[in-house]
Amino acid sequence: MSNKEDSINLPLVHKGKVRNVYDLGQSYLIVASDRISAFDYVIPTIIPDKGRVLHKLSMFWFDFIQGIVPNHIITGNFESFLPSIKQYEYLRDRSMIVKKAKRVDIECIVRGYLAGSGWKEYQRSQTVCGIKLPGGLKESSKLPEAVFTPSSKEEGGKHDENISFEEMVKRVGKDTAESLLRISLELYKRVSEDSFSKGIILADTKLEFGFYDNQLILIDEIFTPDSSRFWEIDKYEEGKPQDSLDKQYVRDYLERIKWDKSSPAPELPKDVVEKTMEKYISLYEKLTGVSF
C-alpha cells in the first residue's frame, strides 16, 4: 500500500490486485488504488492518478447502462460521504460506497475481436476458449459476433482459468449462468456501440456480478482500461497487434523485456509509466467528453 492508503483507519476486508475494500457495516467502501497488474501479477510501480481514471470512468458507465441490470452503487460522490470517511482526502474521486453483494465467482468475459490469449489459442486450434470460430481470421479481426468466454474467479494468488459454459452451469446453476450470458452480451453491445460512435473500439471486456436481496446485480468496476481492451478506430489495422488505450502497453513492455513470471514483477521505467497514464486519460476524455 502507499502511505496514503496506510493512513486509512477503516476495517480492510480485502486487498485486491488494484482495489481495496473496507467494511462500513451496512455497506462496503471500494477504493481504486494507483497499482497496476499484468498477467495476474501486481507490478511494484504505481501509475499516478490511475485509480481516479478507473473510478470516474466506471461511474460514467454505471450511469450509462442503467436499465439493463441493477448495480451495487450507493454513491461515488465523495461530498456525500460521512465525515469519518471524508477525513481521508485520498479517497476523493477514487472510491465508491456499494451494497454488500454476494459475489458470483465467475469472470464474465465478452470478446468482440480476436486479440491477446484468444488470438494465441485461435492460431493453435481455430477456437477461443474452446468456442469454434471461422477460418481465415487474423490478429485483431472483428468476430462475426461477440462471444462469451467465462473464467473462474480465483483467490490467494491463483490464476483465473477459462471454463466452458457447461462448467459455469455446474458452478452457478442454469438460470444464473444464462442470465450472466445474456446480460454480459447486452452490456457489451450497448457500450461497444456507444464507444464506436466516439471513435473507440471496445475489443473485449471483463464483468463481475453478485447477488443482493436475491437479485443479480453488476459489481466491481466496468468498462475501464484495466478490465477492457480499447482501440482507436482511426489507428485500427487488422492483422497485427493494436496500439491500445489500456494496460496492454504495460503487458507489451513486460513481454519485450522477456520477463519470465517466475521472478518478482519488475519496476516500470518512467517512460512506460507516463505513456500508460497518457493512454488512460486520453481514453477517459474520448469516451466521456470531459477533461480529466
Protein backbone atom coordinates (compact mmCIF):
# COMPACT_ATOMS: atom_id res chain seq x y z
CA MET A 1 0.00 0.00 0.00
CA SER A 2 1.04 3.58 -0.46
CA ASN A 3 1.45 5.77 2.63
CA LYS A 4 -1.87 7.41 1.83
CA GLU A 5 -3.58 4.03 1.89
CA ASP A 6 -1.79 3.12 5.12
CA SER A 7 -3.32 6.17 6.78
CA ILE A 8 -6.92 4.99 6.19
CA ASN A 9 -8.12 3.74 9.56
CA LEU A 10 -11.09 1.69 8.39
CA PRO A 11 -11.59 -2.11 8.57
CA LEU A 12 -9.84 -3.53 5.50
CA VAL A 13 -11.67 -6.70 4.43
CA HIS A 14 -9.99 -7.33 1.10
CA LYS A 15 -6.92 -6.11 -0.74
CA GLY A 16 -7.20 -6.97 -4.42
CA LYS A 17 -4.62 -6.51 -7.13
CA VAL A 18 -5.65 -2.89 -7.66
CA ARG A 19 -8.56 -2.18 -5.29
CA ASN A 20 -9.03 -2.19 -1.52
CA VAL A 21 -12.37 -2.98 0.12
CA TYR A 22 -13.30 -1.61 3.54
CA ASP A 23 -16.23 -2.66 5.71
CA LEU A 24 -18.57 0.20 6.65
CA GLY A 25 -21.09 -2.03 8.43
CA GLN A 26 -24.13 -1.95 6.14
CA SER A 27 -22.02 -1.32 3.04
CA TYR A 28 -18.53 -1.57 1.57
CA LEU A 29 -16.14 1.19 0.55
CA ILE A 30 -14.23 0.23 -2.61
CA VAL A 31 -11.10 2.24 -3.30
CA ALA A 32 -9.31 2.22 -6.67
CA SER A 33 -5.58 2.45 -5.99
CA ASP A 34 -2.85 3.50 -8.41
CA ARG A 35 -1.49 -0.05 -8.54
CA ILE A 36 -1.47 -1.86 -11.87
CA SER A 37 -1.45 -5.57 -12.60
CA ALA A 38 -0.46 -7.52 -15.68
CA PHE A 39 -0.76 -11.26 -16.36
CA ASP A 40 -2.42 -11.53 -12.91
CA TYR A 41 0.69 -10.12 -11.16
CA VAL A 42 0.80 -6.81 -9.28
CA ILE A 43 3.54 -4.56 -10.66
CA PRO A 44 5.57 -2.74 -7.96
CA THR A 45 5.44 0.62 -9.78
CA ILE A 46 2.35 2.78 -9.28
CA ILE A 47 0.69 4.72 -12.13
CA PRO A 48 -0.18 8.17 -10.67
CA ASP A 49 -3.91 9.03 -10.81
CA LYS A 50 -4.76 5.70 -12.45
CA GLY A 51 -7.27 4.88 -9.71
CA ARG A 52 -9.09 8.15 -10.30
CA VAL A 53 -9.47 7.35 -14.01
CA LEU A 54 -10.85 3.88 -13.23
CA HIS A 55 -13.31 5.24 -10.68
CA LYS A 56 -14.58 8.14 -12.79
CA LEU A 57 -14.93 6.01 -15.92
CA SER A 58 -16.75 3.26 -14.00
CA MET A 59 -19.18 5.82 -12.58
CA PHE A 60 -19.77 7.15 -16.10
CA TRP A 61 -20.61 3.68 -17.39
CA PHE A 62 -22.74 2.69 -14.38
CA ASP A 63 -24.90 5.71 -15.18
CA PHE A 64 -24.92 4.92 -18.91
CA ILE A 65 -26.10 1.29 -18.62
CA GLN A 66 -28.96 1.88 -16.20
CA GLY A 67 -32.00 -0.06 -17.30
CA ILE A 68 -30.11 -3.18 -18.37
CA VAL A 69 -29.19 -4.55 -14.93
CA PRO A 70 -29.14 -3.12 -11.38
CA ASN A 71 -25.72 -2.40 -9.89
CA HIS A 72 -24.04 -2.15 -6.50
CA ILE A 73 -23.51 1.63 -6.38
CA ILE A 74 -24.88 3.53 -3.38
CA THR A 75 -22.79 6.61 -4.07
CA GLY A 76 -19.49 7.50 -5.70
CA ASN A 77 -19.75 11.16 -4.69
CA PHE A 78 -17.07 11.98 -2.11
CA GLU A 79 -19.00 15.03 -0.89
CA SER A 80 -21.88 12.80 0.23
CA PHE A 81 -19.64 10.52 2.34
CA LEU A 82 -19.82 10.62 6.14
CA PRO A 83 -17.26 12.89 7.88
CA SER A 84 -15.47 9.79 9.23
CA ILE A 85 -14.66 8.84 5.62
CA LYS A 86 -14.27 12.35 4.19
CA GLN A 87 -11.35 12.98 6.53
CA TYR A 88 -9.28 10.94 4.04
CA GLU A 89 -8.84 13.30 1.09
CA TYR A 90 -7.04 10.49 -0.79
CA LEU A 91 -10.45 8.84 -1.29
CA ARG A 92 -11.82 11.72 -3.39
CA ASP A 93 -12.67 10.64 -6.96
CA ARG A 94 -11.34 7.12 -6.40
CA SER A 95 -13.86 5.47 -4.08
CA MET A 96 -17.46 4.35 -4.01
CA ILE A 97 -19.81 3.11 -1.33
CA VAL A 98 -21.56 -0.04 -2.51
CA LYS A 99 -24.08 -2.65 -1.47
CA LYS A 100 -22.78 -5.80 0.20
CA ALA A 101 -23.44 -8.22 -2.62
CA LYS A 102 -22.53 -11.91 -2.55
CA ARG A 103 -20.12 -12.22 -5.45
CA VAL A 104 -20.65 -14.80 -8.18
CA ASP A 105 -17.24 -16.43 -8.55
CA ILE A 106 -17.19 -16.16 -12.34
CA GLU A 107 -15.43 -13.60 -14.51
CA CYS A 108 -17.78 -12.81 -17.39
CA ILE A 109 -15.61 -12.06 -20.42
CA VAL A 110 -17.04 -10.88 -23.73
CA ARG A 111 -14.82 -10.79 -26.82
CA GLY A 112 -15.75 -8.92 -29.97
CA TYR A 113 -12.31 -9.05 -31.58
CA LEU A 114 -9.52 -11.62 -31.78
CA ALA A 115 -6.68 -10.47 -29.51
CA GLY A 116 -4.40 -11.48 -26.66
CA SER A 117 -4.75 -15.04 -25.39
CA GLY A 118 -7.73 -15.53 -27.73
CA TRP A 119 -5.55 -14.91 -30.78
CA LYS A 120 -2.86 -17.27 -29.46
CA GLU A 121 -5.42 -20.05 -28.99
CA TYR A 122 -7.02 -19.41 -32.39
CA GLN A 123 -3.68 -19.92 -34.12
CA ARG A 124 -3.36 -23.33 -32.46
CA SER A 125 -6.90 -24.66 -32.76
CA GLN A 126 -9.17 -22.14 -34.52
CA THR A 127 -11.02 -21.75 -31.22
CA VAL A 128 -11.28 -19.16 -28.43
CA CYS A 129 -11.81 -20.70 -25.01
CA GLY A 130 -12.96 -23.83 -26.80
CA ILE A 131 -15.53 -21.99 -28.97
CA LYS A 132 -15.06 -22.85 -32.65
CA LEU A 133 -14.54 -19.84 -34.92
CA PRO A 134 -14.47 -19.48 -38.72
CA GLY A 135 -11.17 -20.00 -40.52
CA GLY A 136 -9.17 -17.17 -42.07
CA LEU A 137 -9.37 -14.72 -39.19
CA LYS A 138 -6.33 -12.56 -38.47
CA GLU A 139 -4.93 -10.98 -35.33
CA SER A 140 -7.34 -8.21 -34.19
CA SER A 141 -10.07 -9.39 -36.60
CA LYS A 142 -13.64 -8.47 -35.69
CA LEU A 143 -15.51 -11.65 -34.78
CA PRO A 144 -18.70 -12.49 -36.70
CA GLU A 145 -20.48 -11.95 -33.39
CA ALA A 146 -19.31 -11.32 -29.84
CA VAL A 147 -18.55 -14.46 -27.83
CA PHE A 148 -19.00 -15.07 -24.10
CA THR A 149 -15.96 -16.80 -22.56
CA PRO A 150 -16.28 -17.15 -18.77
CA SER A 151 -13.37 -17.85 -16.46
CA SER A 152 -13.08 -18.94 -12.86
CA LYS A 153 -12.56 -16.28 -10.20
CA GLU A 154 -9.65 -17.44 -8.07
CA GLU A 155 -8.27 -16.11 -4.80
CA GLY A 156 -4.99 -16.38 -2.92
CA GLY A 157 -2.69 -15.65 -5.84
CA LYS A 158 -4.11 -18.41 -8.04
CA HIS A 159 -4.66 -17.53 -11.67
CA ASP A 160 -8.15 -17.43 -13.17
CA GLU A 161 -8.81 -20.23 -15.65
CA ASN A 162 -11.06 -20.30 -18.70
CA ILE A 163 -14.07 -22.55 -18.23
CA SER A 164 -16.80 -23.73 -20.59
CA PHE A 165 -20.39 -22.54 -20.37
CA GLU A 166 -21.30 -26.07 -19.26
CA GLU A 167 -18.80 -25.85 -16.40
CA MET A 168 -20.24 -22.47 -15.42
CA VAL A 169 -23.71 -24.04 -15.28
CA LYS A 170 -22.34 -26.68 -12.89
CA ARG A 171 -20.84 -23.99 -10.66
CA VAL A 172 -23.64 -21.41 -10.50
CA GLY A 173 -26.75 -23.14 -11.85
CA LYS A 174 -28.51 -22.95 -15.21
CA ASP A 175 -30.67 -19.87 -14.53
CA THR A 176 -27.79 -17.78 -13.20
CA ALA A 177 -25.46 -18.91 -15.99
CA GLU A 178 -27.99 -17.98 -18.68
CA SER A 179 -28.61 -14.59 -17.05
CA LEU A 180 -24.87 -13.88 -16.88
CA LEU A 181 -24.51 -14.77 -20.56
CA ARG A 182 -27.47 -12.66 -21.70
CA ILE A 183 -26.69 -9.58 -19.58
CA SER A 184 -22.95 -9.63 -20.38
CA LEU A 185 -23.59 -9.71 -24.13
CA GLU A 186 -26.21 -6.96 -23.85
CA LEU A 187 -23.87 -4.72 -21.83
CA TYR A 188 -21.04 -5.29 -24.30
CA LYS A 189 -23.32 -4.46 -27.24
CA ARG A 190 -24.62 -1.25 -25.66
CA VAL A 191 -21.21 0.05 -24.55
CA SER A 192 -19.31 -1.05 -27.68
CA GLU A 193 -21.83 0.77 -29.89
CA ASP A 194 -21.52 3.96 -27.84
CA SER A 195 -17.72 3.72 -27.78
CA PHE A 196 -17.61 3.14 -31.55
CA SER A 197 -19.63 6.32 -32.10
CA LYS A 198 -16.83 8.15 -30.23
CA GLY A 199 -14.03 6.66 -32.32
CA ILE A 200 -13.15 3.84 -29.92
CA ILE A 201 -13.35 0.06 -30.46
CA LEU A 202 -14.20 -2.00 -27.36
CA ALA A 203 -12.37 -5.19 -28.32
CA ASP A 204 -13.20 -7.18 -25.19
CA THR A 205 -14.18 -6.70 -21.57
CA LYS A 206 -14.48 -8.43 -18.22
CA LEU A 207 -17.53 -8.07 -15.96
CA GLU A 208 -18.39 -9.27 -12.47
CA PHE A 209 -21.74 -9.86 -10.81
CA GLY A 210 -23.18 -10.63 -7.41
CA PHE A 211 -26.48 -11.25 -5.64
CA TYR A 212 -28.14 -8.65 -3.44
CA ASP A 213 -31.59 -9.32 -1.97
CA ASN A 214 -31.74 -12.40 -4.22
CA GLN A 215 -31.31 -10.22 -7.31
CA LEU A 216 -28.41 -10.44 -9.76
CA ILE A 217 -26.54 -7.12 -9.87
CA LEU A 218 -23.46 -5.72 -11.59
CA ILE A 219 -20.48 -5.13 -9.28
CA ASP A 220 -16.80 -4.13 -9.30
CA GLU A 221 -15.53 -1.71 -11.98
CA ILE A 222 -16.89 -1.72 -15.53
CA PHE A 223 -15.52 -0.90 -18.98
CA THR A 224 -12.26 0.59 -17.76
CA PRO A 225 -8.80 0.31 -19.38
CA ASP A 226 -7.94 -2.20 -16.62
CA SER A 227 -10.85 -4.53 -17.38
CA SER A 228 -11.20 -3.97 -21.12
CA ARG A 229 -9.25 -3.64 -24.35
CA PHE A 230 -9.82 -0.34 -26.19
CA TRP A 231 -8.50 0.62 -29.65
CA GLU A 232 -8.77 3.84 -31.63
CA ILE A 233 -10.76 3.35 -34.84
CA ASP A 234 -8.52 5.62 -36.92
CA LYS A 235 -5.44 3.57 -35.93
CA TYR A 236 -7.08 0.14 -36.23
CA GLU A 237 -5.49 -2.22 -38.71
CA GLU A 238 -6.47 -5.87 -38.93
CA GLY A 239 -3.68 -8.43 -38.96
CA LYS A 240 -1.42 -7.05 -36.25
CA PRO A 241 -1.41 -6.00 -32.58
CA GLN A 242 -3.15 -2.68 -31.92
CA ASP A 243 -1.91 0.44 -30.16
CA SER A 244 -4.29 0.02 -27.23
CA LEU A 245 -5.60 2.71 -24.90
CA ASP A 246 -5.34 0.38 -21.90
CA LYS A 247 -2.81 -1.61 -19.90
CA GLN A 248 -1.75 -3.62 -22.95
CA TYR A 249 1.10 -1.09 -23.17
CA VAL A 250 2.43 -2.46 -19.85
CA ARG A 251 1.93 -6.08 -20.96
CA ASP A 252 3.82 -5.34 -24.19
CA TYR A 253 6.72 -3.84 -22.23
CA LEU A 254 6.93 -6.89 -19.95
CA GLU A 255 6.92 -9.22 -22.97
CA ARG A 256 9.54 -7.07 -24.71
CA ILE A 257 11.96 -7.43 -21.77
CA LYS A 258 11.10 -11.15 -21.65
CA TRP A 259 10.02 -11.20 -18.01
CA ASP A 260 9.51 -14.91 -17.32
CA LYS A 261 6.99 -14.53 -14.44
CA SER A 262 9.00 -16.89 -12.24
CA SER A 263 10.82 -13.90 -10.77
CA PRO A 264 9.18 -10.92 -8.99
CA ALA A 265 7.48 -8.41 -11.28
CA PRO A 266 9.93 -5.69 -12.35
CA GLU A 267 9.64 -1.95 -11.80
CA LEU A 268 8.38 0.02 -14.81
CA PRO A 269 10.61 2.71 -16.33
CA LYS A 270 9.44 6.31 -16.20
CA ASP A 271 8.53 6.47 -19.89
CA VAL A 272 6.25 3.41 -19.62
CA VAL A 273 4.51 4.91 -16.57
CA GLU A 274 3.97 8.25 -18.33
CA LYS A 275 2.76 6.68 -21.58
CA THR A 276 0.36 4.37 -19.72
CA MET A 277 -1.16 7.29 -17.83
CA GLU A 278 -1.40 9.29 -21.04
CA LYS A 279 -3.36 6.46 -22.65
CA TYR A 280 -5.73 6.09 -19.67
CA ILE A 281 -6.52 9.81 -19.56
CA SER A 282 -6.93 10.01 -23.33
CA LEU A 283 -9.42 7.14 -23.27
CA TYR A 284 -11.38 8.71 -20.41
CA GLU A 285 -11.66 12.02 -22.24
CA LYS A 286 -12.64 10.43 -25.57
CA LEU A 287 -15.35 8.28 -24.00
CA THR A 288 -16.85 10.82 -21.59
CA GLY A 289 -16.26 14.05 -23.49
CA VAL A 290 -14.98 15.54 -20.22
CA SER A 291 -11.46 16.80 -19.48
CA PHE A 292 -9.71 14.79 -16.77
